[in-house]
Amino acid sequence: MTEYLWFLFSYLVGSIPNGYLIVKWVAGKDIRKIGREKLSGSNIIHNIGFLPGVVSGFFDIFKGILAVWGAYK
């Protein structure tokens, strides 16, 4: 039963658009309509700024690590 909860948790955490939320909070813009129109950290770095892009990339990496860690536990 615990495995299924981790699958659900990982899916829900992975579906959170960190890049969108960070840019909306910091710059008040929709990153999906700026630059390459992607939620990637590199798009955020090029169009919004270095720090928001790095924070977005960190959260994306952390989401992946969290999902893998939960699957192995």
PDB file of N, CA and C in Angstrom:
ATOM      1  N   MET A   1       0.815  -1.196   0.000  1.00  0.00           N
ATOM      2  CA  MET A   1       0.000   0.000   0.000  1.00  0.00           C
ATOM      3  C   MET A   1       0.864   1.269   0.000  1.00  0.00           C
ATOM      4  N   THR A   2       1.968   1.228   0.724  1.00  0.00           N
ATOM      5  CA  THR A   2       2.846   2.388   0.798  1.00  0.00           C
ATOM      6  C   THR A   2       3.417   2.744  -0.568  1.00  0.00           C
ATOM      7  N   GLU A   3       3.702   1.722  -1.391  1.00  0.00           N
ATOM      8  CA  GLU A   3       4.250   1.985  -2.723  1.00  0.00           C
ATOM      9  C   GLU A   3       3.284   2.805  -3.566  1.00  0.00           C
ATOM     10  N   TYR A   4       2.015   2.473  -3.475  1.00  0.00           N
ATOM     11  CA  TYR A   4       1.021   3.194  -4.263  1.00  0.00           C
ATOM     12  C   TYR A   4       0.894   4.650  -3.809  1.00  0.00           C
ATOM     13  N   LEU A   5       1.034   4.863  -2.516  1.00  0.00           N
ATOM     14  CA  LEU A   5       0.993   6.238  -2.022  1.00  0.00           C
ATOM     15  C   LEU A   5       2.194   7.037  -2.521  1.00  0.00           C
ATOM     16  N   TRP A   6       3.370   6.381  -2.610  1.00  0.00           N
ATOM     17  CA  TRP A   6       4.543   7.069  -3.140  1.00  0.00           C
ATOM     18  C   TRP A   6       4.369   7.380  -4.620  1.00  0.00           C
ATOM     19  N   PHE A   7       3.750   6.459  -5.361  1.00  0.00           N
ATOM     20  CA  PHE A   7       3.490   6.732  -6.777  1.00  0.00           C
ATOM     21  C   PHE A   7       2.575   7.946  -6.920  1.00  0.00           C
ATOM     22  N   LEU A   8       1.533   7.977  -6.135  1.00  0.00           N
ATOM     23  CA  LEU A   8       0.592   9.092  -6.179  1.00  0.00           C
ATOM     24  C   LEU A   8       1.275  10.396  -5.751  1.00  0.00           C
ATOM     25  N   PHE A   9       2.030  10.337  -4.661  1.00  0.00           N
ATOM     26  CA  PHE A   9       2.743  11.513  -4.172  1.00  0.00           C
ATOM     27  C   PHE A   9       3.726  12.028  -5.221  1.00  0.00           C
ATOM     28  N   SER A  10       4.484  11.120  -5.826  1.00  0.00           N
ATOM     29  CA  SER A  10       5.470  11.511  -6.841  1.00  0.00           C
ATOM     30  C   SER A  10       4.789  12.148  -8.046  1.00  0.00           C
ATOM     31  N   TYR A  11       3.669  11.583  -8.450  1.00  0.00           N
ATOM     32  CA  TYR A  11       2.923  12.142  -9.577  1.00  0.00           C
ATOM     33  C   TYR A  11       2.437  13.554  -9.259  1.00  0.00           C
ATOM     34  N   LEU A  12       1.889  13.722  -8.074  1.00  0.00           N
ATOM     35  CA  LEU A  12       1.361  15.030  -7.695  1.00  0.00           C
ATOM     36  C   LEU A  12       2.470  16.071  -7.551  1.00  0.00           C
ATOM     37  N   VAL A  13       3.585  15.691  -6.947  1.00  0.00           N
ATOM     38  CA  VAL A  13       4.702  16.624  -6.797  1.00  0.00           C
ATOM     39  C   VAL A  13       5.289  16.967  -8.165  1.00  0.00           C
ATOM     40  N   GLY A  14       5.390  15.983  -9.045  1.00  0.00           N
ATOM     41  CA  GLY A  14       5.935  16.216 -10.378  1.00  0.00           C
ATOM     42  C   GLY A  14       5.050  17.082 -11.251  1.00  0.00           C
ATOM     43  N   SER A  15       3.777  17.138 -10.929  1.00  0.00           N
ATOM     44  CA  SER A  15       2.860  17.927 -11.760  1.00  0.00           C
ATOM     45  C   SER A  15       2.820  19.403 -11.363  1.00  0.00           C
ATOM     46  N   ILE A  16       3.514  19.778 -10.310  1.00  0.00           N
ATOM     47  CA  ILE A  16       3.554  21.183  -9.895  1.00  0.00           C
ATOM     48  C   ILE A  16       4.499  21.947 -10.828  1.00  0.00           C
ATOM     49  N   PRO A  17       4.009  22.970 -11.523  1.00  0.00           N
ATOM     50  CA  PRO A  17       4.866  23.727 -12.448  1.00  0.00           C
ATOM     51  C   PRO A  17       5.698  24.782 -11.710  1.00  0.00           C
ATOM     52  N   ASN A  18       6.817  24.348 -11.149  1.00  0.00           N
ATOM     53  CA  ASN A  18       7.653  25.250 -10.350  1.00  0.00           C
ATOM     54  C   ASN A  18       8.072  26.489 -11.119  1.00  0.00           C
ATOM     55  N   GLY A  19       8.520  26.307 -12.346  1.00  0.00           N
ATOM     56  CA  GLY A  19       8.985  27.440 -13.138  1.00  0.00           C
ATOM     57  C   GLY A  19       7.899  28.482 -13.330  1.00  0.00           C
ATOM     58  N   TYR A  20       6.708  28.034 -13.623  1.00  0.00           N
ATOM     59  CA  TYR A  20       5.590  28.951 -13.814  1.00  0.00           C
ATOM     60  C   TYR A  20       5.300  29.723 -12.527  1.00  0.00           C
ATOM     61  N   LEU A  21       5.239  29.005 -11.415  1.00  0.00           N
ATOM     62  CA  LEU A  21       4.911  29.643 -10.142  1.00  0.00           C
ATOM     63  C   LEU A  21       5.987  30.627  -9.700  1.00  0.00           C
ATOM     64  N   ILE A  22       7.250  30.262  -9.878  1.00  0.00           N
ATOM     65  CA  ILE A  22       8.343  31.146  -9.473  1.00  0.00           C
ATOM     66  C   ILE A  22       8.339  32.424 -10.309  1.00  0.00           C
ATOM     67  N   VAL A  23       8.197  32.284 -11.625  1.00  0.00           N
ATOM     68  CA  VAL A  23       8.204  33.469 -12.496  1.00  0.00           C
ATOM     69  C   VAL A  23       6.980  34.338 -12.234  1.00  0.00           C
ATOM     70  N   LYS A  24       5.839  33.729 -12.022  1.00  0.00           N
ATOM     71  CA  LYS A  24       4.625  34.496 -11.741  1.00  0.00           C
ATOM     72  C   LYS A  24       4.792  35.287 -10.449  1.00  0.00           C
ATOM     73  N   TRP A  25       5.432  34.679  -9.462  1.00  0.00           N
ATOM     74  CA  TRP A  25       5.633  35.331  -8.169  1.00  0.00           C
ATOM     75  C   TRP A  25       6.690  36.434  -8.256  1.00  0.00           C
ATOM     76  N   VAL A  26       7.796  36.155  -8.954  1.00  0.00           N
ATOM     77  CA  VAL A  26       8.915  37.103  -9.011  1.00  0.00           C
ATOM     78  C   VAL A  26       8.646  38.240 -10.000  1.00  0.00           C
ATOM     79  N   ALA A  27       8.206  37.888 -11.210  1.00  0.00           N
ATOM     80  CA  ALA A  27       8.098  38.893 -12.272  1.00  0.00           C
ATOM     81  C   ALA A  27       6.663  39.217 -12.676  1.00  0.00           C
ATOM     82  N   GLY A  28       5.715  38.402 -12.244  1.00  0.00           N
ATOM     83  CA  GLY A  28       4.329  38.646 -12.619  1.00  0.00           C
ATOM     84  C   GLY A  28       4.028  38.339 -14.073  1.00  0.00           C
ATOM     85  N   LYS A  29       4.866  37.507 -14.713  1.00  0.00           N
ATOM     86  CA  LYS A  29       4.694  37.171 -16.125  1.00  0.00           C
ATOM     87  C   LYS A  29       4.387  35.689 -16.285  1.00  0.00           C
ATOM     88  N   ASP A  30       3.914  35.333 -17.465  1.00  0.00           N
ATOM     89  CA  ASP A  30       3.661  33.935 -17.808  1.00  0.00           C
ATOM     90  C   ASP A  30       4.825  33.440 -18.656  1.00  0.00           C
ATOM     91  N   ILE A  31       5.687  32.621 -18.087  1.00  0.00           N
ATOM     92  CA  ILE A  31       6.897  32.160 -18.773  1.00  0.00           C
ATOM     93  C   ILE A  31       6.563  31.307 -19.994  1.00  0.00           C
ATOM     94  N   ARG A  32       5.366  30.761 -20.044  1.00  0.00           N
ATOM     95  CA  ARG A  32       4.971  29.945 -21.198  1.00  0.00           C
ATOM     96  C   ARG A  32       4.766  30.783 -22.452  1.00  0.00           C
ATOM     97  N   LYS A  33       4.728  32.091 -22.302  1.00  0.00           N
ATOM     98  CA  LYS A  33       4.532  32.983 -23.449  1.00  0.00           C
ATOM     99  C   LYS A  33       5.764  33.840 -23.736  1.00  0.00           C
ATOM    100  N   ILE A  34       6.874  33.546 -23.065  1.00  0.00           N
ATOM    101  CA  ILE A  34       8.097  34.336 -23.211  1.00  0.00           C
ATOM    102  C   ILE A  34       9.211  33.440 -23.732  1.00  0.00           C
ATOM    103  N   GLY A  35      10.025  33.968 -24.626  1.00  0.00           N
ATOM    104  CA  GLY A  35      11.208  33.234 -25.099  1.00  0.00           C
ATOM    105  C   GLY A  35      10.844  31.969 -25.847  1.00  0.00           C
ATOM    106  N   ARG A  36      11.367  30.853 -25.383  1.00  0.00           N
ATOM    107  CA  ARG A  36      11.125  29.561 -26.039  1.00  0.00           C
ATOM    108  C   ARG A  36       9.812  28.917 -25.622  1.00  0.00           C
ATOM    109  N   GLU A  37       9.059  29.610 -24.788  1.00  0.00           N
ATOM    110  CA  GLU A  37       7.737  29.165 -24.340  1.00  0.00           C
ATOM    111  C   GLU A  37       7.787  27.821 -23.628  1.00  0.00           C
ATOM    112  N   LYS A  38       8.822  27.610 -22.833  1.00  0.00           N
ATOM    113  CA  LYS A  38       8.951  26.386 -22.042  1.00  0.00           C
ATOM    114  C   LYS A  38       9.157  26.761 -20.585  1.00  0.00           C
ATOM    115  N   LEU A  39       8.891  25.815 -19.699  1.00  0.00           N
ATOM    116  CA  LEU A  39       9.042  26.051 -18.270  1.00  0.00           C
ATOM    117  C   LEU A  39      10.436  25.707 -17.765  1.00  0.00           C
ATOM    118  N   SER A  40      11.389  25.591 -18.657  1.00  0.00           N
ATOM    119  CA  SER A  40      12.731  25.149 -18.268  1.00  0.00           C
ATOM    120  C   SER A  40      13.495  26.240 -17.523  1.00  0.00           C
ATOM    121  N   GLY A  41      14.438  25.785 -16.716  1.00  0.00           N
ATOM    122  CA  GLY A  41      15.282  26.719 -15.987  1.00  0.00           C
ATOM    123  C   GLY A  41      16.097  27.601 -16.909  1.00  0.00           C
ATOM    124  N   SER A  42      16.554  27.035 -18.033  1.00  0.00           N
ATOM    125  CA  SER A  42      17.355  27.839 -18.966  1.00  0.00           C
ATOM    126  C   SER A  42      16.521  28.944 -19.612  1.00  0.00           C
ATOM    127  N   ASN A  43      15.271  28.682 -19.911  1.00  0.00           N
ATOM    128  CA  ASN A  43      14.401  29.721 -20.457  1.00  0.00           C
ATOM    129  C   ASN A  43      14.183  30.825 -19.427  1.00  0.00           C
ATOM    130  N   ILE A  44      14.039  30.435 -18.179  1.00  0.00           N
ATOM    131  CA  ILE A  44      13.852  31.429 -17.120  1.00  0.00           C
ATOM    132  C   ILE A  44      15.121  32.254 -16.941  1.00  0.00           C
ATOM    133  N   ILE A  45      16.288  31.607 -16.978  1.00  0.00           N
ATOM    134  CA  ILE A  45      17.555  32.334 -16.848  1.00  0.00           C
ATOM    135  C   ILE A  45      17.707  33.353 -17.971  1.00  0.00           C
ATOM    136  N   HIS A  46      17.399  32.971 -19.196  1.00  0.00           N
ATOM    137  CA  HIS A  46      17.580  33.859 -20.346  1.00  0.00           C
ATOM    138  C   HIS A  46      16.586  35.012 -20.371  1.00  0.00           C
ATOM    139  N   ASN A  47      15.385  34.797 -19.863  1.00  0.00           N
ATOM    140  CA  ASN A  47      14.344  35.807 -20.031  1.00  0.00           C
ATOM    141  C   ASN A  47      13.928  36.534 -18.757  1.00  0.00           C
ATOM    142  N   ILE A  48      14.157  35.946 -17.601  1.00  0.00           N
ATOM    143  CA  ILE A  48      13.736  36.575 -16.350  1.00  0.00           C
ATOM    144  C   ILE A  48      14.934  36.956 -15.490  1.00  0.00           C
ATOM    145  N   GLY A  49      15.841  35.999 -15.287  1.00  0.00           N
ATOM    146  CA  GLY A  49      17.007  36.292 -14.462  1.00  0.00           C
ATOM    147  C   GLY A  49      17.686  35.018 -13.996  1.00  0.00           C
ATOM    148  N   PHE A  50      18.916  35.179 -13.534  1.00  0.00           N
ATOM    149  CA  PHE A  50      19.722  34.026 -13.136  1.00  0.00           C
ATOM    150  C   PHE A  50      19.152  33.322 -11.907  1.00  0.00           C
ATOM    151  N   LEU A  51      18.880  34.066 -10.856  1.00  0.00           N
ATOM    152  CA  LEU A  51      18.430  33.458  -9.606  1.00  0.00           C
ATOM    153  C   LEU A  51      17.097  32.718  -9.745  1.00  0.00           C
ATOM    154  N   PRO A  52      16.064  33.302 -10.348  1.00  0.00           N
ATOM    155  CA  PRO A  52      14.826  32.536 -10.511  1.00  0.00           C
ATOM    156  C   PRO A  52      15.018  31.272 -11.353  1.00  0.00           C
ATOM    157  N   GLY A  53      15.886  31.335 -12.351  1.00  0.00           N
ATOM    158  CA  GLY A  53      16.150  30.159 -13.181  1.00  0.00           C
ATOM    159  C   GLY A  53      16.846  29.054 -12.420  1.00  0.00           C
ATOM    160  N   VAL A  54      17.822  29.430 -11.606  1.00  0.00           N
ATOM    161  CA  VAL A  54      18.539  28.433 -10.806  1.00  0.00           C
ATOM    162  C   VAL A  54      17.612  27.825  -9.756  1.00  0.00           C
ATOM    163  N   VAL A  55      16.798  28.639  -9.130  1.00  0.00           N
ATOM    164  CA  VAL A  55      15.853  28.127  -8.130  1.00  0.00           C
ATOM    165  C   VAL A  55      14.867  27.169  -8.781  1.00  0.00           C
ATOM    166  N   SER A  56      14.369  27.521  -9.949  1.00  0.00           N
ATOM    167  CA  SER A  56      13.449  26.642 -10.668  1.00  0.00           C
ATOM    168  C   SER A  56      14.119  25.323 -11.035  1.00  0.00           C
ATOM    169  N   GLY A  57      15.338  25.397 -11.544  1.00  0.00           N
ATOM    170  CA  GLY A  57      16.073  24.181 -11.877  1.00  0.00           C
ATOM    171  C   GLY A  57      16.332  23.321 -10.654  1.00  0.00           C
ATOM    172  N   PHE A  58      16.677  23.955  -9.529  1.00  0.00           N
ATOM    173  CA  PHE A  58      16.903  23.215  -8.290  1.00  0.00           C
ATOM    174  C   PHE A  58      15.645  22.472  -7.866  1.00  0.00           C
ATOM    175  N   PHE A  59      14.499  23.150  -7.902  1.00  0.00           N
ATOM    176  CA  PHE A  59      13.261  22.490  -7.507  1.00  0.00           C
ATOM    177  C   PHE A  59      12.904  21.341  -8.450  1.00  0.00           C
ATOM    178  N   ASP A  60      13.164  21.496  -9.738  1.00  0.00           N
ATOM    179  CA  ASP A  60      12.905  20.408 -10.682  1.00  0.00           C
ATOM    180  C   ASP A  60      13.787  19.200 -10.381  1.00  0.00           C
ATOM    181  N   ILE A  61      15.050  19.446 -10.101  1.00  0.00           N
ATOM    182  CA  ILE A  61      15.959  18.349  -9.756  1.00  0.00           C
ATOM    183  C   ILE A  61      15.531  17.709  -8.444  1.00  0.00           C
ATOM    184  N   PHE A  62      15.161  18.527  -7.467  1.00  0.00           N
ATOM    185  CA  PHE A  62      14.740  18.011  -6.170  1.00  0.00           C
ATOM    186  C   PHE A  62      13.490  17.145  -6.292  1.00  0.00           C
ATOM    187  N   LYS A  63      12.557  17.536  -7.162  1.00  0.00           N
ATOM    188  CA  LYS A  63      11.359  16.716  -7.362  1.00  0.00           C
ATOM    189  C   LYS A  63      11.725  15.331  -7.873  1.00  0.00           C
ATOM    190  N   GLY A  64      12.665  15.262  -8.807  1.00  0.00           N
ATOM    191  CA  GLY A  64      13.104  13.971  -9.332  1.00  0.00           C
ATOM    192  C   GLY A  64      13.807  13.134  -8.286  1.00  0.00           C
ATOM    193  N   ILE A  65      14.682  13.763  -7.509  1.00  0.00           N
ATOM    194  CA  ILE A  65      15.387  13.044  -6.447  1.00  0.00           C
ATOM    195  C   ILE A  65      14.402  12.528  -5.409  1.00  0.00           C
ATOM    196  N   LEU A  66      13.433  13.335  -5.050  1.00  0.00           N
ATOM    197  CA  LEU A  66      12.435  12.931  -4.063  1.00  0.00           C
ATOM    198  C   LEU A  66      11.632  11.728  -4.542  1.00  0.00           C
ATOM    199  N   ALA A  67      11.251  11.720  -5.801  1.00  0.00           N
ATOM    200  CA  ALA A  67      10.484  10.595  -6.344  1.00  0.00           C
ATOM    201  C   ALA A  67      11.308   9.312  -6.346  1.00  0.00           C
ATOM    202  N   VAL A  68      12.566   9.401  -6.750  1.00  0.00           N
ATOM    203  CA  VAL A  68      13.428   8.214  -6.780  1.00  0.00           C
ATOM    204  C   VAL A  68      13.719   7.732  -5.369  1.00  0.00           C
ATOM    205  N   TRP A  69      13.986   8.655  -4.469  1.00  0.00           N
ATOM    206  CA  TRP A  69      14.252   8.282  -3.081  1.00  0.00           C
ATOM    207  C   TRP A  69      13.047   7.563  -2.475  1.00  0.00           C
ATOM    208  N   GLY A  70      11.866   8.074  -2.735  1.00  0.00           N
ATOM    209  CA  GLY A  70      10.656   7.438  -2.216  1.00  0.00           C
ATOM    210  C   GLY A  70      10.416   6.064  -2.807  1.00  0.00           C
ATOM    211  N   ALA A  71      10.782   5.873  -4.054  1.00  0.00           N
ATOM    212  CA  ALA A  71      10.594   4.566  -4.692  1.00  0.00           C
ATOM    213  C   ALA A  71      11.541   3.523  -4.112  1.00  0.00           C
ATOM    214  N   TYR A  72      12.742   3.938  -3.748  1.00  0.00           N
ATOM    215  CA  TYR A  72      13.708   2.998  -3.177  1.00  0.00           C
ATOM    216  C   TYR A  72      13.460   2.707  -1.707  1.00  0.00           C
ATOM    217  N   LYS A  73      12.762   3.572  -1.035  1.00  0.00           N
ATOM    218  CA  LYS A  73      12.553   3.412   0.400  1.00  0.00           C
ATOM    219  C   LYS A  73      11.601   2.318   0.747  1.00  0.00           C
TER     220      LYS A  73
END
